[in-house]
Amino acid sequence: MTIREDIVASAVTFLQDPSVAASPVESRIAFLQSKNLTQEEVDAALARADGNSQAPAPSYANYAPQQQVARQPPPGYGGGYQQPWQPQAPPELPKRDWRDWFIMATVAGGVGYGLYTVAKRYVLPLIAPPTPPQLEQDKASIDASFEQAFTLLEQLSKDTDALKSAEEERTTRLDAALADVESAISELKASARRRDDESRRTT
């Protein structure tokens, strides 16, 4: 039977692939036979793939197909090896139009404005130095606090003096009352002694 050179050439290209060459011989033979290659074509393809195209092609007829090839062949070897496998081009990246850029600019502007507002309202007052009006206002507030404290101390001093005067006056009145009581007691004692003396004279 005549060997189909184009089929054998495609099979040799397939067998020389590193991933295919690493597979067992039985798997390669089974795959080639599943593609309707004759035994002579299989032997010729294996011999040429091994670099022995000038030597007599060894016979692999005793190899029975035991299992299917674990690695699937690249696209292009199905249907009688009509065309070699070619890598697929990577998918094209999606293109951006003016609407995408407008949306991104709007979002970025909104986020930037929000950050600016937060920094101006909460962060800037903490790190910015006080202005002259603020210093004057703080000074006036401190002076008012001191004035209020001094007024309170003065009022407390006046209240203390008033309490002291009232206590001294009460003590004076109490001393006078005690003196009156002692005088009254002395007079009562003197009267009692006079009555006793008169009673003794009359008896």
Protein backbone atom coordinates (compact mmCIF):
# COMPACT_ATOMS: atom_id res chain seq x y z
CA MET A 1 0.00 0.00 0.00
CA THR A 2 1.32 3.46 -0.89
CA ILE A 3 2.31 5.68 2.03
CA ARG A 4 0.55 9.04 2.08
CA GLU A 5 3.47 11.42 2.49
CA ASP A 6 1.39 14.44 3.48
CA ILE A 7 -0.31 12.48 6.26
CA VAL A 8 3.02 11.07 7.44
CA ALA A 9 4.59 14.56 7.44
CA SER A 10 1.75 15.92 9.56
CA ALA A 11 2.09 12.94 11.91
CA VAL A 12 5.85 13.54 12.22
CA THR A 13 5.23 17.19 13.11
CA PHE A 14 2.73 16.07 15.72
CA LEU A 15 5.07 13.42 17.19
CA GLN A 16 7.95 15.91 17.47
CA ASP A 17 5.92 18.11 19.81
CA PRO A 18 7.64 17.94 23.27
CA SER A 19 4.42 17.16 25.12
CA VAL A 20 3.60 14.34 22.69
CA ALA A 21 7.15 12.95 22.62
CA ALA A 22 7.03 12.52 26.41
CA SER A 23 3.97 10.24 26.19
CA PRO A 24 4.31 6.42 25.95
CA VAL A 25 4.80 4.81 22.54
CA GLU A 26 1.59 2.82 22.94
CA SER A 27 -0.39 6.02 23.37
CA ARG A 28 1.15 7.63 20.28
CA ILE A 29 0.50 4.52 18.16
CA ALA A 30 -3.09 4.30 19.40
CA PHE A 31 -3.72 7.93 18.58
CA LEU A 32 -2.24 7.66 15.06
CA GLN A 33 -4.27 4.52 14.36
CA SER A 34 -7.40 6.31 15.58
CA LYS A 35 -6.74 8.87 12.82
CA ASN A 36 -6.96 6.16 10.13
CA LEU A 37 -3.21 5.82 9.55
CA THR A 38 -2.06 2.44 8.26
CA GLN A 39 0.56 0.42 10.09
CA GLU A 40 3.19 1.35 7.48
CA GLU A 41 2.38 5.05 7.90
CA VAL A 42 2.57 4.76 11.68
CA ASP A 43 5.97 3.03 11.47
CA ALA A 44 7.29 5.64 9.03
CA ALA A 45 6.05 8.56 11.15
CA LEU A 46 7.60 7.14 14.32
CA ALA A 47 10.89 6.45 12.55
CA ARG A 48 11.09 9.93 11.04
CA ALA A 49 10.14 11.55 14.35
CA ASP A 50 13.02 9.69 16.01
CA GLY A 51 15.44 11.03 13.37
CA ASN A 52 15.95 7.71 11.57
CA SER A 53 14.37 8.53 8.24
CA GLN A 54 17.31 6.91 6.32
CA ALA A 55 17.28 3.66 8.32
CA PRO A 56 14.74 0.94 7.73
CA ALA A 57 11.56 1.72 9.53
CA PRO A 58 11.09 -0.54 12.52
CA SER A 59 7.79 -2.30 12.81
CA TYR A 60 5.47 -1.38 15.64
CA ALA A 61 2.80 -3.80 14.63
CA ASN A 62 3.12 -5.73 17.89
CA TYR A 63 2.10 -2.68 19.90
CA ALA A 64 -1.57 -3.00 20.61
CA PRO A 65 -3.44 0.14 21.56
CA GLN A 66 -3.95 -0.12 25.32
CA GLN A 67 -5.10 3.33 26.27
CA GLN A 68 -6.03 6.62 24.77
CA VAL A 69 -3.53 9.44 24.71
CA ALA A 70 -3.68 11.39 27.94
CA ARG A 71 -2.80 14.66 26.22
CA GLN A 72 -5.15 15.97 23.57
CA PRO A 73 -3.41 17.01 20.34
CA PRO A 74 -3.36 20.67 19.42
CA PRO A 75 -6.16 21.89 17.16
CA GLY A 76 -5.54 21.20 13.50
CA TYR A 77 -4.65 17.47 13.62
CA GLY A 78 -8.21 16.19 13.48
CA GLY A 79 -9.81 15.01 10.29
CA GLY A 80 -6.75 13.58 8.54
CA TYR A 81 -4.14 16.20 9.50
CA GLN A 82 -5.32 18.79 7.03
CA GLN A 83 -3.50 21.77 8.60
CA PRO A 84 -0.87 22.33 11.31
CA TRP A 85 -1.82 23.72 14.70
CA GLN A 86 -1.58 27.47 15.16
CA PRO A 87 -1.78 29.30 18.50
CA GLN A 88 -4.87 31.40 19.05
CA ALA A 89 -4.45 35.14 19.32
CA PRO A 90 -5.14 36.65 22.76
CA PRO A 91 -8.56 38.28 23.16
CA GLU A 92 -8.69 41.93 22.30
CA LEU A 93 -8.90 44.29 25.25
CA PRO A 94 -12.15 46.24 25.56
CA LYS A 95 -11.95 49.73 24.16
CA ARG A 96 -12.87 52.76 26.24
CA ASP A 97 -14.89 55.62 24.84
CA TRP A 98 -15.56 59.13 26.15
CA ARG A 99 -18.39 57.93 28.40
CA ASP A 100 -16.06 55.68 30.38
CA TRP A 101 -13.58 58.52 30.84
CA PHE A 102 -16.40 60.88 31.84
CA ILE A 103 -17.68 58.44 34.47
CA MET A 104 -14.18 57.91 35.88
CA ALA A 105 -13.57 61.67 35.98
CA THR A 106 -16.90 62.25 37.74
CA VAL A 107 -16.21 59.59 40.36
CA ALA A 108 -12.66 60.83 40.94
CA GLY A 109 -13.90 64.43 41.27
CA GLY A 110 -16.59 63.43 43.78
CA VAL A 111 -14.14 61.46 45.90
CA GLY A 112 -11.60 64.30 45.78
CA TYR A 113 -14.21 66.89 46.80
CA GLY A 114 -15.37 64.69 49.68
CA LEU A 115 -11.81 64.29 50.96
CA TYR A 116 -11.24 68.05 50.66
CA THR A 117 -14.41 68.83 52.62
CA VAL A 118 -13.55 66.38 55.41
CA ALA A 119 -9.98 67.69 55.67
CA LYS A 120 -11.13 71.31 55.72
CA ARG A 121 -13.80 70.73 58.36
CA TYR A 122 -12.08 68.31 60.74
CA VAL A 123 -8.34 68.09 60.04
CA LEU A 124 -7.40 71.69 59.22
CA PRO A 125 -8.70 73.20 62.51
CA LEU A 126 -6.51 70.75 64.43
CA ILE A 127 -3.25 71.56 62.66
CA ALA A 128 -3.73 75.20 61.58
CA PRO A 129 -2.26 77.92 63.88
CA PRO A 130 -4.80 80.25 65.55
CA THR A 131 -5.58 83.54 63.81
CA PRO A 132 -5.34 86.96 65.57
CA PRO A 133 -9.14 87.19 66.04
CA GLN A 134 -9.13 83.74 67.62
CA LEU A 135 -6.28 84.78 69.92
CA GLU A 136 -8.18 87.91 70.96
CA GLN A 137 -11.30 85.87 71.57
CA ASP A 138 -9.39 83.33 73.68
CA LYS A 139 -7.73 86.15 75.65
CA ALA A 140 -11.09 87.81 76.30
CA SER A 141 -12.53 84.49 77.44
CA ILE A 142 -9.61 83.92 79.83
CA ASP A 143 -9.89 87.48 81.20
CA ALA A 144 -13.61 86.99 81.76
CA SER A 145 -12.94 83.74 83.60
CA PHE A 146 -10.36 85.41 85.85
CA GLU A 147 -12.69 88.35 86.49
CA GLN A 148 -15.46 85.99 87.47
CA ALA A 149 -13.11 84.10 89.77
CA PHE A 150 -11.91 87.32 91.44
CA THR A 151 -15.51 88.51 91.89
CA LEU A 152 -16.42 85.22 93.50
CA LEU A 153 -13.44 85.41 95.85
CA GLU A 154 -14.33 88.97 96.82
CA GLN A 155 -17.92 87.96 97.50
CA LEU A 156 -16.73 85.05 99.61
CA SER A 157 -14.48 87.42 101.57
CA LYS A 158 -17.37 89.79 102.19
CA ASP A 159 -19.62 86.95 103.28
CA THR A 160 -16.91 85.70 105.63
CA ASP A 161 -16.49 89.16 107.18
CA ALA A 162 -20.25 89.46 107.62
CA LEU A 163 -20.42 86.07 109.29
CA LYS A 164 -17.51 87.02 111.54
CA SER A 165 -19.18 90.28 112.56
CA ALA A 166 -22.46 88.51 113.24
CA GLU A 167 -20.65 85.91 115.33
CA GLU A 168 -18.86 88.60 117.34
CA GLU A 169 -22.13 90.44 117.90
CA ARG A 170 -23.84 87.26 119.01
CA THR A 171 -20.97 86.51 121.37
CA THR A 172 -21.22 90.01 122.84
CA ARG A 173 -24.96 89.67 123.40
CA LEU A 174 -24.44 86.25 124.94
CA ASP A 175 -21.79 87.63 127.30
CA ALA A 176 -24.12 90.47 128.29
CA ALA A 177 -26.96 88.04 128.91
CA LEU A 178 -24.71 85.87 131.04
CA ALA A 179 -23.62 88.92 133.01
CA ASP A 180 -27.26 89.87 133.60
CA VAL A 181 -28.04 86.34 134.75
CA GLU A 182 -25.09 86.34 137.12
CA SER A 183 -26.17 89.76 138.47
CA ALA A 184 -29.71 88.53 138.97
CA ILE A 185 -28.48 85.43 140.76
CA SER A 186 -26.28 87.55 143.01
CA GLU A 187 -29.21 89.82 143.88
CA LEU A 188 -31.39 86.79 144.61
CA LYS A 189 -28.73 85.40 146.90
CA ALA A 190 -28.38 88.74 148.67
CA SER A 191 -32.14 88.99 149.12
CA ALA A 192 -32.24 85.47 150.49
CA ARG A 193 -29.52 86.30 152.99
CA ARG A 194 -31.34 89.46 154.08
CA ARG A 195 -34.54 87.51 154.62
CA ASP A 196 -32.67 84.96 156.65
CA ASP A 197 -31.10 87.68 158.75
CA GLU A 198 -34.45 89.39 159.36
CA SER A 199 -36.01 86.07 160.24
CA ARG A 200 -33.33 85.38 162.81
CA ARG A 201 -33.75 88.86 164.34
CA THR A 202 -37.48 88.50 164.71
CA THR A 203 -37.14 85.19 166.44
